Amino acid sequence: MYNLANMSSIAAALNSFERDCTITIALKISDNSCKMDDYEKSVFISLYDSLATKETDFFESSVHDIIYLGRNNPSAQTYKQIKKLRESAMDMITRPKMKAFKASIRERLI
């Protein structure tokens, strides 16, 4: 279990690349392609929800509408949009950098 009391301050301190990672994880959670367990998913979606600014250098602002739809009104069309966005993001981020990001968030929550 993590100490979630500092989630807002952790989210506020994220740089643009870390926000890209957070948004990518939210996309993966929204279309059920994320392999984390339910608790981990809830922690990382809470991080996404806690972002004070959701602006990034990679994503357009419409990504948040797509995440909202994936979370609240899932459909095949929404999942297709999510898949395209998350695959593009993962090409830019790379698996090693994403794993390092998730590990750094877990460390900050201890």
PDB file of N, CA and C in Angstrom:
ATOM      1  N   MET A   1       0.836  -1.185   0.000  1.00  0.00           N
ATOM      2  CA  MET A   1       0.000   0.000   0.000  1.00  0.00           C
ATOM      3  C   MET A   1       0.880   1.246   0.000  1.00  0.00           C
ATOM      4  N   TYR A   2       0.411   2.235  -0.709  1.00  0.00           N
ATOM      5  CA  TYR A   2       1.142   3.484  -0.823  1.00  0.00           C
ATOM      6  C   TYR A   2       0.527   4.560   0.054  1.00  0.00           C
ATOM      7  N   ASN A   3       1.317   5.579   0.349  1.00  0.00           N
ATOM      8  CA  ASN A   3       0.825   6.756   1.050  1.00  0.00           C
ATOM      9  C   ASN A   3       0.318   7.726  -0.012  1.00  0.00           C
ATOM     10  N   LEU A   4      -0.976   7.791  -0.170  1.00  0.00           N
ATOM     11  CA  LEU A   4      -1.574   8.599  -1.232  1.00  0.00           C
ATOM     12  C   LEU A   4      -1.825  10.044  -0.810  1.00  0.00           C
ATOM     13  N   ALA A   5      -1.451  10.389   0.408  1.00  0.00           N
ATOM     14  CA  ALA A   5      -1.696  11.739   0.920  1.00  0.00           C
ATOM     15  C   ALA A   5      -0.958  12.804   0.118  1.00  0.00           C
ATOM     16  N   ASN A   6       0.164  12.447  -0.477  1.00  0.00           N
ATOM     17  CA  ASN A   6       0.963  13.415  -1.234  1.00  0.00           C
ATOM     18  C   ASN A   6       0.685  13.381  -2.744  1.00  0.00           C
ATOM     19  N   MET A   7      -0.379  12.713  -3.159  1.00  0.00           N
ATOM     20  CA  MET A   7      -0.648  12.555  -4.589  1.00  0.00           C
ATOM     21  C   MET A   7      -0.738  13.896  -5.320  1.00  0.00           C
ATOM     22  N   SER A   8      -1.417  14.861  -4.745  1.00  0.00           N
ATOM     23  CA  SER A   8      -1.568  16.168  -5.411  1.00  0.00           C
ATOM     24  C   SER A   8      -0.228  16.865  -5.601  1.00  0.00           C
ATOM     25  N   SER A   9       0.619  16.809  -4.589  1.00  0.00           N
ATOM     26  CA  SER A   9       1.922  17.470  -4.715  1.00  0.00           C
ATOM     27  C   SER A   9       2.822  16.717  -5.693  1.00  0.00           C
ATOM     28  N   ILE A  10       2.725  15.403  -5.720  1.00  0.00           N
ATOM     29  CA  ILE A  10       3.483  14.612  -6.691  1.00  0.00           C
ATOM     30  C   ILE A  10       3.021  14.966  -8.108  1.00  0.00           C
ATOM     31  N   ALA A  11       1.714  15.015  -8.296  1.00  0.00           N
ATOM     32  CA  ALA A  11       1.159  15.346  -9.615  1.00  0.00           C
ATOM     33  C   ALA A  11       1.562  16.751 -10.048  1.00  0.00           C
ATOM     34  N   ALA A  12       1.553  17.681  -9.115  1.00  0.00           N
ATOM     35  CA  ALA A  12       1.899  19.073  -9.437  1.00  0.00           C
ATOM     36  C   ALA A  12       3.366  19.218  -9.835  1.00  0.00           C
ATOM     37  N   ALA A  13       4.212  18.339  -9.352  1.00  0.00           N
ATOM     38  CA  ALA A  13       5.648  18.437  -9.617  1.00  0.00           C
ATOM     39  C   ALA A  13       6.079  17.733 -10.905  1.00  0.00           C
ATOM     40  N   LEU A  14       5.165  17.040 -11.574  1.00  0.00           N
ATOM     41  CA  LEU A  14       5.534  16.309 -12.783  1.00  0.00           C
ATOM     42  C   LEU A  14       5.907  17.265 -13.907  1.00  0.00           C
ATOM     43  N   ASN A  15       6.964  16.914 -14.634  1.00  0.00           N
ATOM     44  CA  ASN A  15       7.329  17.700 -15.810  1.00  0.00           C
ATOM     45  C   ASN A  15       6.505  17.216 -17.008  1.00  0.00           C
ATOM     46  N   SER A  16       6.694  17.841 -18.142  1.00  0.00           N
ATOM     47  CA  SER A  16       5.893  17.519 -19.318  1.00  0.00           C
ATOM     48  C   SER A  16       6.037  16.054 -19.737  1.00  0.00           C
ATOM     49  N   PHE A  17       7.253  15.535 -19.733  1.00  0.00           N
ATOM     50  CA  PHE A  17       7.454  14.132 -20.102  1.00  0.00           C
ATOM     51  C   PHE A  17       6.735  13.213 -19.112  1.00  0.00           C
ATOM     52  N   GLU A  18       6.813  13.514 -17.832  1.00  0.00           N
ATOM     53  CA  GLU A  18       6.137  12.690 -16.821  1.00  0.00           C
ATOM     54  C   GLU A  18       4.622  12.794 -16.969  1.00  0.00           C
ATOM     55  N   ARG A  19       4.115  13.946 -17.371  1.00  0.00           N
ATOM     56  CA  ARG A  19       2.680  14.063 -17.649  1.00  0.00           C
ATOM     57  C   ARG A  19       2.314  13.231 -18.868  1.00  0.00           C
ATOM     58  N   ASP A  20       3.197  13.190 -19.884  1.00  0.00           N
ATOM     59  CA  ASP A  20       2.966  12.309 -21.037  1.00  0.00           C
ATOM     60  C   ASP A  20       2.845  10.857 -20.579  1.00  0.00           C
ATOM     61  N   CYS A  21       3.724  10.449 -19.692  1.00  0.00           N
ATOM     62  CA  CYS A  21       3.687   9.082 -19.155  1.00  0.00           C
ATOM     63  C   CYS A  21       2.381   8.842 -18.402  1.00  0.00           C
ATOM     64  N   THR A  22       1.996   9.780 -17.574  1.00  0.00           N
ATOM     65  CA  THR A  22       0.766   9.650 -16.782  1.00  0.00           C
ATOM     66  C   THR A  22      -0.451   9.546 -17.691  1.00  0.00           C
ATOM     67  N   ILE A  23      -0.510  10.373 -18.706  1.00  0.00           N
ATOM     68  CA  ILE A  23      -1.633  10.345 -19.647  1.00  0.00           C
ATOM     69  C   ILE A  23      -1.637   9.032 -20.424  1.00  0.00           C
ATOM     70  N   THR A  24      -0.477   8.545 -20.807  1.00  0.00           N
ATOM     71  CA  THR A  24      -0.388   7.269 -21.521  1.00  0.00           C
ATOM     72  C   THR A  24      -0.903   6.128 -20.647  1.00  0.00           C
ATOM     73  N   ILE A  25      -0.550   6.140 -19.383  1.00  0.00           N
ATOM     74  CA  ILE A  25      -1.060   5.114 -18.463  1.00  0.00           C
ATOM     75  C   ILE A  25      -2.573   5.239 -18.342  1.00  0.00           C
ATOM     76  N   ALA A  26      -3.083   6.463 -18.261  1.00  0.00           N
ATOM     77  CA  ALA A  26      -4.535   6.659 -18.187  1.00  0.00           C
ATOM     78  C   ALA A  26      -5.223   6.112 -19.442  1.00  0.00           C
ATOM     79  N   LEU A  27      -4.596   6.293 -20.598  1.00  0.00           N
ATOM     80  CA  LEU A  27      -5.136   5.712 -21.826  1.00  0.00           C
ATOM     81  C   LEU A  27      -5.179   4.191 -21.724  1.00  0.00           C
ATOM     82  N   LYS A  28      -4.086   3.599 -21.247  1.00  0.00           N
ATOM     83  CA  LYS A  28      -4.015   2.137 -21.119  1.00  0.00           C
ATOM     84  C   LYS A  28      -5.054   1.609 -20.128  1.00  0.00           C
ATOM     85  N   ILE A  29      -5.257   2.342 -19.053  1.00  0.00           N
ATOM     86  CA  ILE A  29      -6.264   1.933 -18.068  1.00  0.00           C
ATOM     87  C   ILE A  29      -7.660   2.075 -18.669  1.00  0.00           C
ATOM     88  N   SER A  30      -7.870   3.137 -19.435  1.00  0.00           N
ATOM     89  CA  SER A  30      -9.192   3.419 -20.002  1.00  0.00           C
ATOM     90  C   SER A  30      -9.659   2.386 -21.010  1.00  0.00           C
ATOM     91  N   ASP A  31      -8.720   1.742 -21.708  1.00  0.00           N
ATOM     92  CA  ASP A  31      -9.141   0.723 -22.671  1.00  0.00           C
ATOM     93  C   ASP A  31      -8.815  -0.696 -22.196  1.00  0.00           C
ATOM     94  N   ASN A  32      -8.510  -0.820 -20.925  1.00  0.00           N
ATOM     95  CA  ASN A  32      -8.255  -2.129 -20.299  1.00  0.00           C
ATOM     96  C   ASN A  32      -7.058  -2.871 -20.883  1.00  0.00           C
ATOM     97  N   SER A  33      -6.095  -2.137 -21.449  1.00  0.00           N
ATOM     98  CA  SER A  33      -4.891  -2.804 -21.959  1.00  0.00           C
ATOM     99  C   SER A  33      -3.755  -2.765 -20.944  1.00  0.00           C
ATOM    100  N   CYS A  34      -3.985  -2.113 -19.815  1.00  0.00           N
ATOM    101  CA  CYS A  34      -2.981  -2.009 -18.760  1.00  0.00           C
ATOM    102  C   CYS A  34      -2.911  -3.321 -17.988  1.00  0.00           C
ATOM    103  N   LYS A  35      -1.702  -3.786 -17.719  1.00  0.00           N
ATOM    104  CA  LYS A  35      -1.529  -5.075 -17.043  1.00  0.00           C
ATOM    105  C   LYS A  35      -1.328  -4.950 -15.532  1.00  0.00           C
ATOM    106  N   MET A  36      -1.408  -3.729 -14.992  1.00  0.00           N
ATOM    107  CA  MET A  36      -1.273  -3.555 -13.550  1.00  0.00           C
ATOM    108  C   MET A  36      -2.483  -4.159 -12.840  1.00  0.00           C
ATOM    109  N   ASP A  37      -2.302  -4.500 -11.566  1.00  0.00           N
ATOM    110  CA  ASP A  37      -3.453  -4.974 -10.807  1.00  0.00           C
ATOM    111  C   ASP A  37      -4.385  -3.788 -10.507  1.00  0.00           C
ATOM    112  N   ASP A  38      -5.568  -4.091  -9.995  1.00  0.00           N
ATOM    113  CA  ASP A  38      -6.582  -3.051  -9.788  1.00  0.00           C
ATOM    114  C   ASP A  38      -6.125  -1.950  -8.843  1.00  0.00           C
ATOM    115  N   TYR A  39      -5.388  -2.307  -7.796  1.00  0.00           N
ATOM    116  CA  TYR A  39      -4.907  -1.288  -6.868  1.00  0.00           C
ATOM    117  C   TYR A  39      -3.938  -0.338  -7.563  1.00  0.00           C
ATOM    118  N   GLU A  40      -2.977  -0.896  -8.301  1.00  0.00           N
ATOM    119  CA  GLU A  40      -2.007  -0.067  -9.024  1.00  0.00           C
ATOM    120  C   GLU A  40      -2.726   0.824 -10.041  1.00  0.00           C
ATOM    121  N   LYS A  41      -3.706   0.255 -10.739  1.00  0.00           N
ATOM    122  CA  LYS A  41      -4.478   1.064 -11.691  1.00  0.00           C
ATOM    123  C   LYS A  41      -5.143   2.231 -10.978  1.00  0.00           C
ATOM    124  N   SER A  42      -5.715   1.967  -9.813  1.00  0.00           N
ATOM    125  CA  SER A  42      -6.393   3.042  -9.081  1.00  0.00           C
ATOM    126  C   SER A  42      -5.404   4.118  -8.645  1.00  0.00           C
ATOM    127  N   VAL A  43      -4.198   3.724  -8.291  1.00  0.00           N
ATOM    128  CA  VAL A  43      -3.162   4.692  -7.892  1.00  0.00           C
ATOM    129  C   VAL A  43      -2.780   5.570  -9.075  1.00  0.00           C
ATOM    130  N   PHE A  44      -2.547   4.970 -10.229  1.00  0.00           N
ATOM    131  CA  PHE A  44      -2.090   5.745 -11.381  1.00  0.00           C
ATOM    132  C   PHE A  44      -3.215   6.557 -12.019  1.00  0.00           C
ATOM    133  N   ILE A  45      -4.449   6.088 -11.932  1.00  0.00           N
ATOM    134  CA  ILE A  45      -5.551   6.909 -12.441  1.00  0.00           C
ATOM    135  C   ILE A  45      -5.794   8.072 -11.478  1.00  0.00           C
ATOM    136  N   SER A  46      -5.529   7.862 -10.209  1.00  0.00           N
ATOM    137  CA  SER A  46      -5.603   8.953  -9.234  1.00  0.00           C
ATOM    138  C   SER A  46      -4.533  10.004  -9.525  1.00  0.00           C
ATOM    139  N   LEU A  47      -3.346   9.551  -9.920  1.00  0.00           N
ATOM    140  CA  LEU A  47      -2.296  10.485 -10.315  1.00  0.00           C
ATOM    141  C   LEU A  47      -2.768  11.316 -11.505  1.00  0.00           C
ATOM    142  N   TYR A  48      -3.341  10.655 -12.504  1.00  0.00           N
ATOM    143  CA  TYR A  48      -3.880  11.371 -13.667  1.00  0.00           C
ATOM    144  C   TYR A  48      -4.952  12.375 -13.232  1.00  0.00           C
ATOM    145  N   ASP A  49      -5.866  11.932 -12.411  1.00  0.00           N
ATOM    146  CA  ASP A  49      -6.954  12.814 -11.945  1.00  0.00           C
ATOM    147  C   ASP A  49      -6.429  13.979 -11.118  1.00  0.00           C
ATOM    148  N   SER A  50      -5.263  13.820 -10.514  1.00  0.00           N
ATOM    149  CA  SER A  50      -4.683  14.862  -9.657  1.00  0.00           C
ATOM    150  C   SER A  50      -3.843  15.881 -10.422  1.00  0.00           C
ATOM    151  N   LEU A  51      -3.627  15.643 -11.710  1.00  0.00           N
ATOM    152  CA  LEU A  51      -2.816  16.594 -12.470  1.00  0.00           C
ATOM    153  C   LEU A  51      -3.434  17.986 -12.415  1.00  0.00           C
ATOM    154  N   ALA A  52      -2.663  18.953 -11.959  1.00  0.00           N
ATOM    155  CA  ALA A  52      -3.136  20.333 -11.919  1.00  0.00           C
ATOM    156  C   ALA A  52      -3.186  20.906 -13.329  1.00  0.00           C
ATOM    157  N   THR A  53      -2.197  20.560 -14.119  1.00  0.00           N
ATOM    158  CA  THR A  53      -2.178  20.935 -15.532  1.00  0.00           C
ATOM    159  C   THR A  53      -2.004  19.664 -16.334  1.00  0.00           C
ATOM    160  N   LYS A  54      -2.813  19.526 -17.352  1.00  0.00           N
ATOM    161  CA  LYS A  54      -2.739  18.329 -18.183  1.00  0.00           C
ATOM    162  C   LYS A  54      -2.111  18.643 -19.533  1.00  0.00           C
ATOM    163  N   GLU A  55      -1.471  19.798 -19.623  1.00  0.00           N
ATOM    164  CA  GLU A  55      -0.787  20.173 -20.860  1.00  0.00           C
ATOM    165  C   GLU A  55       0.531  19.405 -20.971  1.00  0.00           C
ATOM    166  N   THR A  56       0.819  18.967 -22.177  1.00  0.00           N
ATOM    167  CA  THR A  56       2.071  18.264 -22.450  1.00  0.00           C
ATOM    168  C   THR A  56       2.598  18.718 -23.797  1.00  0.00           C
ATOM    169  N   ASP A  57       3.806  18.320 -24.084  1.00  0.00           N
ATOM    170  CA  ASP A  57       4.390  18.618 -25.386  1.00  0.00           C
ATOM    171  C   ASP A  57       3.950  17.606 -26.444  1.00  0.00           C
ATOM    172  N   PHE A  58       3.447  16.462 -26.015  1.00  0.00           N
ATOM    173  CA  PHE A  58       3.128  15.382 -26.949  1.00  0.00           C
ATOM    174  C   PHE A  58       1.647  15.327 -27.312  1.00  0.00           C
ATOM    175  N   PHE A  59       0.779  15.352 -26.314  1.00  0.00           N
ATOM    176  CA  PHE A  59      -0.649  15.163 -26.542  1.00  0.00           C
ATOM    177  C   PHE A  59      -1.379  16.473 -26.803  1.00  0.00           C
ATOM    178  N   GLU A  60      -2.400  16.394 -27.650  1.00  0.00           N
ATOM    179  CA  GLU A  60      -3.320  17.512 -27.809  1.00  0.00           C
ATOM    180  C   GLU A  60      -4.342  17.427 -26.679  1.00  0.00           C
ATOM    181  N   SER A  61      -4.995  18.526 -26.372  1.00  0.00           N
ATOM    182  CA  SER A  61      -5.938  18.559 -25.248  1.00  0.00           C
ATOM    183  C   SER A  61      -7.120  17.609 -25.440  1.00  0.00           C
ATOM    184  N   SER A  62      -7.431  17.226 -26.667  1.00  0.00           N
ATOM    185  CA  SER A  62      -8.552  16.318 -26.919  1.00  0.00           C
ATOM    186  C   SER A  62      -8.328  14.933 -26.324  1.00  0.00           C
ATOM    187  N   VAL A  63      -7.097  14.595 -25.977  1.00  0.00           N
ATOM    188  CA  VAL A  63      -6.820  13.287 -25.384  1.00  0.00           C
ATOM    189  C   VAL A  63      -7.628  13.091 -24.097  1.00  0.00           C
ATOM    190  N   HIS A  64      -7.866  14.158 -23.369  1.00  0.00           N
ATOM    191  CA  HIS A  64      -8.590  14.044 -22.102  1.00  0.00           C
ATOM    192  C   HIS A  64     -10.060  13.700 -22.324  1.00  0.00           C
ATOM    193  N   ASP A  65     -10.621  14.194 -23.418  1.00  0.00           N
ATOM    194  CA  ASP A  65     -11.997  13.821 -23.768  1.00  0.00           C
ATOM    195  C   ASP A  65     -12.070  12.338 -24.111  1.00  0.00           C
ATOM    196  N   ILE A  66     -11.051  11.838 -24.803  1.00  0.00           N
ATOM    197  CA  ILE A  66     -11.024  10.426 -25.185  1.00  0.00           C
ATOM    198  C   ILE A  66     -10.858   9.547 -23.946  1.00  0.00           C
ATOM    199  N   ILE A  67     -10.013   9.973 -23.015  1.00  0.00           N
ATOM    200  CA  ILE A  67      -9.867   9.222 -21.756  1.00  0.00           C
ATOM    201  C   ILE A  67     -11.194   9.213 -21.008  1.00  0.00           C
ATOM    202  N   TYR A  68     -11.849  10.357 -20.949  1.00  0.00           N
ATOM    203  CA  TYR A  68     -13.158  10.440 -20.276  1.00  0.00           C
ATOM    204  C   TYR A  68     -14.138   9.448 -20.903  1.00  0.00           C
ATOM    205  N   LEU A  69     -14.211   9.435 -22.233  1.00  0.00           N
ATOM    206  CA  LEU A  69     -15.122   8.506 -22.910  1.00  0.00           C
ATOM    207  C   LEU A  69     -14.751   7.056 -22.622  1.00  0.00           C
ATOM    208  N   GLY A  70     -13.467   6.748 -22.660  1.00  0.00           N
ATOM    209  CA  GLY A  70     -13.031   5.384 -22.370  1.00  0.00           C
ATOM    210  C   GLY A  70     -13.392   4.942 -20.973  1.00  0.00           C
ATOM    211  N   ARG A  71     -13.339   5.868 -20.034  1.00  0.00           N
ATOM    212  CA  ARG A  71     -13.647   5.544 -18.636  1.00  0.00           C
ATOM    213  C   ARG A  71     -15.147   5.491 -18.368  1.00  0.00           C
ATOM    214  N   ASN A  72     -15.915   6.308 -19.075  1.00  0.00           N
ATOM    215  CA  ASN A  72     -17.327   6.464 -18.729  1.00  0.00           C
ATOM    216  C   ASN A  72     -18.313   5.935 -19.756  1.00  0.00           C
ATOM    217  N   ASN A  73     -17.942   5.918 -21.023  1.00  0.00           N
ATOM    218  CA  ASN A  73     -18.822   5.443 -22.089  1.00  0.00           C
ATOM    219  C   ASN A  73     -18.017   4.666 -23.114  1.00  0.00           C
ATOM    220  N   PRO A  74     -17.432   3.550 -22.710  1.00  0.00           N
ATOM    221  CA  PRO A  74     -16.548   2.825 -23.625  1.00  0.00           C
ATOM    222  C   PRO A  74     -17.282   2.317 -24.862  1.00  0.00           C
ATOM    223  N   SER A  75     -16.588   2.365 -25.973  1.00  0.00           N
ATOM    224  CA  SER A  75     -17.122   1.825 -27.222  1.00  0.00           C
ATOM    225  C   SER A  75     -15.943   1.367 -28.072  1.00  0.00           C
ATOM    226  N   ALA A  76     -16.237   0.590 -29.086  1.00  0.00           N
ATOM    227  CA  ALA A  76     -15.191   0.109 -29.982  1.00  0.00           C
ATOM    228  C   ALA A  76     -14.486   1.284 -30.663  1.00  0.00           C
ATOM    229  N   GLN A  77     -15.226   2.299 -31.035  1.00  0.00           N
ATOM    230  CA  GLN A  77     -14.642   3.468 -31.691  1.00  0.00           C
ATOM    231  C   GLN A  77     -13.701   4.216 -30.740  1.00  0.00           C
ATOM    232  N   THR A  78     -14.120   4.375 -29.483  1.00  0.00           N
ATOM    233  CA  THR A  78     -13.270   5.045 -28.499  1.00  0.00           C
ATOM    234  C   THR A  78     -12.012   4.233 -28.252  1.00  0.00           C
ATOM    235  N   TYR A  79     -12.146   2.922 -28.107  1.00  0.00           N
ATOM    236  CA  TYR A  79     -10.984   2.069 -27.887  1.00  0.00           C
ATOM    237  C   TYR A  79     -10.012   2.134 -29.063  1.00  0.00           C
ATOM    238  N   LYS A  80     -10.530   2.268 -30.274  1.00  0.00           N
ATOM    239  CA  LYS A  80      -9.679   2.396 -31.457  1.00  0.00           C
ATOM    240  C   LYS A  80      -8.873   3.695 -31.374  1.00  0.00           C
ATOM    241  N   GLN A  81      -9.519   4.787 -30.959  1.00  0.00           N
ATOM    242  CA  GLN A  81      -8.821   6.067 -30.798  1.00  0.00           C
ATOM    243  C   GLN A  81      -7.764   5.969 -29.701  1.00  0.00           C
ATOM    244  N   ILE A  82      -8.131   5.340 -28.596  1.00  0.00           N
ATOM    245  CA  ILE A  82      -7.202   5.187 -27.478  1.00  0.00           C
ATOM    246  C   ILE A  82      -5.989   4.374 -27.905  1.00  0.00           C
ATOM    247  N   LYS A  83      -6.231   3.271 -28.582  1.00  0.00           N
ATOM    248  CA  LYS A  83      -5.124   2.401 -29.012  1.00  0.00           C
ATOM    249  C   LYS A  83      -4.129   3.178 -29.875  1.00  0.00           C
ATOM    250  N   LYS A  84      -4.628   3.950 -30.825  1.00  0.00           N
ATOM    251  CA  LYS A  84      -3.753   4.726 -31.699  1.00  0.00           C
ATOM    252  C   LYS A  84      -2.926   5.725 -30.888  1.00  0.00           C
ATOM    253  N   LEU A  85      -3.557   6.409 -29.943  1.00  0.00           N
ATOM    254  CA  LEU A  85      -2.853   7.400 -29.117  1.00  0.00           C
ATOM    255  C   LEU A  85      -1.814   6.748 -28.214  1.00  0.00           C
ATOM    256  N   ARG A  86      -2.191   5.675 -27.545  1.00  0.00           N
ATOM    257  CA  ARG A  86      -1.250   5.053 -26.601  1.00  0.00           C
ATOM    258  C   ARG A  86      -0.092   4.385 -27.314  1.00  0.00           C
ATOM    259  N   GLU A  87      -0.326   3.786 -28.473  1.00  0.00           N
ATOM    260  CA  GLU A  87       0.770   3.180 -29.221  1.00  0.00           C
ATOM    261  C   GLU A  87       1.746   4.250 -29.716  1.00  0.00           C
ATOM    262  N   SER A  88       1.214   5.363 -30.178  1.00  0.00           N
ATOM    263  CA  SER A  88       2.061   6.468 -30.614  1.00  0.00           C
ATOM    264  C   SER A  88       2.875   7.013 -29.446  1.00  0.00           C
ATOM    265  N   ALA A  89       2.219   7.146 -28.302  1.00  0.00           N
ATOM    266  CA  ALA A  89       2.910   7.644 -27.106  1.00  0.00           C
ATOM    267  C   ALA A  89       3.990   6.672 -26.657  1.00  0.00           C
ATOM    268  N   MET A  90       3.709   5.390 -26.663  1.00  0.00           N
ATOM    269  CA  MET A  90       4.700   4.406 -26.227  1.00  0.00           C
ATOM    270  C   MET A  90       5.882   4.340 -27.189  1.00  0.00           C
ATOM    271  N   ASP A  91       5.659   4.606 -28.462  1.00  0.00           N
ATOM    272  CA  ASP A  91       6.781   4.679 -29.403  1.00  0.00           C
ATOM    273  C   ASP A  91       7.719   5.817 -29.014  1.00  0.00           C
ATOM    274  N   MET A  92       7.135   6.931 -28.565  1.00  0.00           N
ATOM    275  CA  MET A  92       7.928   8.092 -28.164  1.00  0.00           C
ATOM    276  C   MET A  92       8.572   7.865 -26.794  1.00  0.00           C
ATOM    277  N   ILE A  93       7.816   7.323 -25.852  1.00  0.00           N
ATOM    278  CA  ILE A  93       8.293   7.167 -24.471  1.00  0.00           C
ATOM    279  C   ILE A  93       9.299   6.020 -24.360  1.00  0.00           C
ATOM    280  N   THR A  94       9.017   4.902 -24.918  1.00  0.00           N
ATOM    281  CA  THR A  94       9.739   3.618 -24.842  1.00  0.00           C
ATOM    282  C   THR A  94       9.434   2.903 -23.520  1.00  0.00           C
ATOM    283  N   ARG A  95       9.450   1.591 -23.594  1.00  0.00           N
ATOM    284  CA  ARG A  95       9.148   0.765 -22.414  1.00  0.00           C
ATOM    285  C   ARG A  95      10.106   1.013 -21.248  1.00  0.00           C
ATOM    286  N   PRO A  96      11.418   1.075 -21.495  1.00  0.00           N
ATOM    287  CA  PRO A  96      12.323   1.294 -20.359  1.00  0.00           C
ATOM    288  C   PRO A  96      12.045   2.619 -19.626  1.00  0.00           C
ATOM    289  N   LYS A  97      11.778   3.666 -20.381  1.00  0.00           N
ATOM    290  CA  LYS A  97      11.499   4.954 -19.742  1.00  0.00           C
ATOM    291  C   LYS A  97      10.162   4.927 -18.997  1.00  0.00           C
ATOM    292  N   MET A  98       9.181   4.201 -19.542  1.00  0.00           N
ATOM    293  CA  MET A  98       7.885   4.093 -18.865  1.00  0.00           C
ATOM    294  C   MET A  98       8.049   3.305 -17.565  1.00  0.00           C
ATOM    295  N   LYS A  99       8.797   2.214 -17.614  1.00  0.00           N
ATOM    296  CA  LYS A  99       9.032   1.427 -16.396  1.00  0.00           C
ATOM    297  C   LYS A  99       9.754   2.264 -15.343  1.00  0.00           C
ATOM    298  N   ALA A 100      10.731   3.050 -15.769  1.00  0.00           N
ATOM    299  CA  ALA A 100      11.452   3.920 -14.834  1.00  0.00           C
ATOM    300  C   ALA A 100      10.524   4.980 -14.252  1.00  0.00           C
ATOM    301  N   PHE A 101       9.638   5.521 -15.059  1.00  0.00           N
ATOM    302  CA  PHE A 101       8.674   6.509 -14.564  1.00  0.00           C
ATOM    303  C   PHE A 101       7.766   5.885 -13.499  1.00  0.00           C
ATOM    304  N   LYS A 102       7.202   4.726 -13.791  1.00  0.00           N
ATOM    305  CA  LYS A 102       6.300   4.078 -12.828  1.00  0.00           C
ATOM    306  C   LYS A 102       7.050   3.766 -11.534  1.00  0.00           C
ATOM    307  N   ALA A 103       8.277   3.309 -11.637  1.00  0.00           N
ATOM    308  CA  ALA A 103       9.081   3.022 -10.437  1.00  0.00           C
ATOM    309  C   ALA A 103       9.319   4.300  -9.637  1.00  0.00           C
ATOM    310  N   SER A 104       9.571   5.407 -10.323  1.00  0.00           N
ATOM    311  CA  SER A 104       9.823   6.664  -9.604  1.00  0.00           C
ATOM    312  C   SER A 104       8.566   7.145  -8.890  1.00  0.00           C
ATOM    313  N   ILE A 105       7.414   6.950  -9.490  1.00  0.00           N
ATOM    314  CA  ILE A 105       6.162   7.331  -8.820  1.00  0.00           C
ATOM    315  C   ILE A 105       5.941   6.449  -7.602  1.00  0.00           C
ATOM    316  N   ARG A 106       6.169   5.172  -7.749  1.00  0.00           N
ATOM    317  CA  ARG A 106       5.995   4.259  -6.608  1.00  0.00           C
ATOM    318  C   ARG A 106       6.918   4.661  -5.459  1.00  0.00           C
ATOM    319  N   GLU A 107       8.146   5.035  -5.779  1.00  0.00           N
ATOM    320  CA  GLU A 107       9.108   5.477  -4.745  1.00  0.00           C
ATOM    321  C   GLU A 107       8.608   6.738  -4.025  1.00  0.00           C
ATOM    322  N   ARG A 108       8.055   7.664  -4.794  1.00  0.00           N
ATOM    323  CA  ARG A 108       7.544   8.913  -4.209  1.00  0.00           C
ATOM    324  C   ARG A 108       6.335   8.688  -3.315  1.00  0.00           C
ATOM    325  N   LEU A 109       5.662   7.564  -3.520  1.00  0.00           N
ATOM    326  CA  LEU A 109       4.446   7.279  -2.738  1.00  0.00           C
ATOM    327  C   LEU A 109       4.720   6.440  -1.495  1.00  0.00           C
ATOM    328  N   ILE A 110       5.973   6.095  -1.261  1.00  0.00           N
ATOM    329  CA  ILE A 110       6.310   5.292  -0.081  1.00  0.00           C
ATOM    330  C   ILE A 110       6.395   6.189   1.141  1.00  0.00           C
TER     331      ILE A 110
END
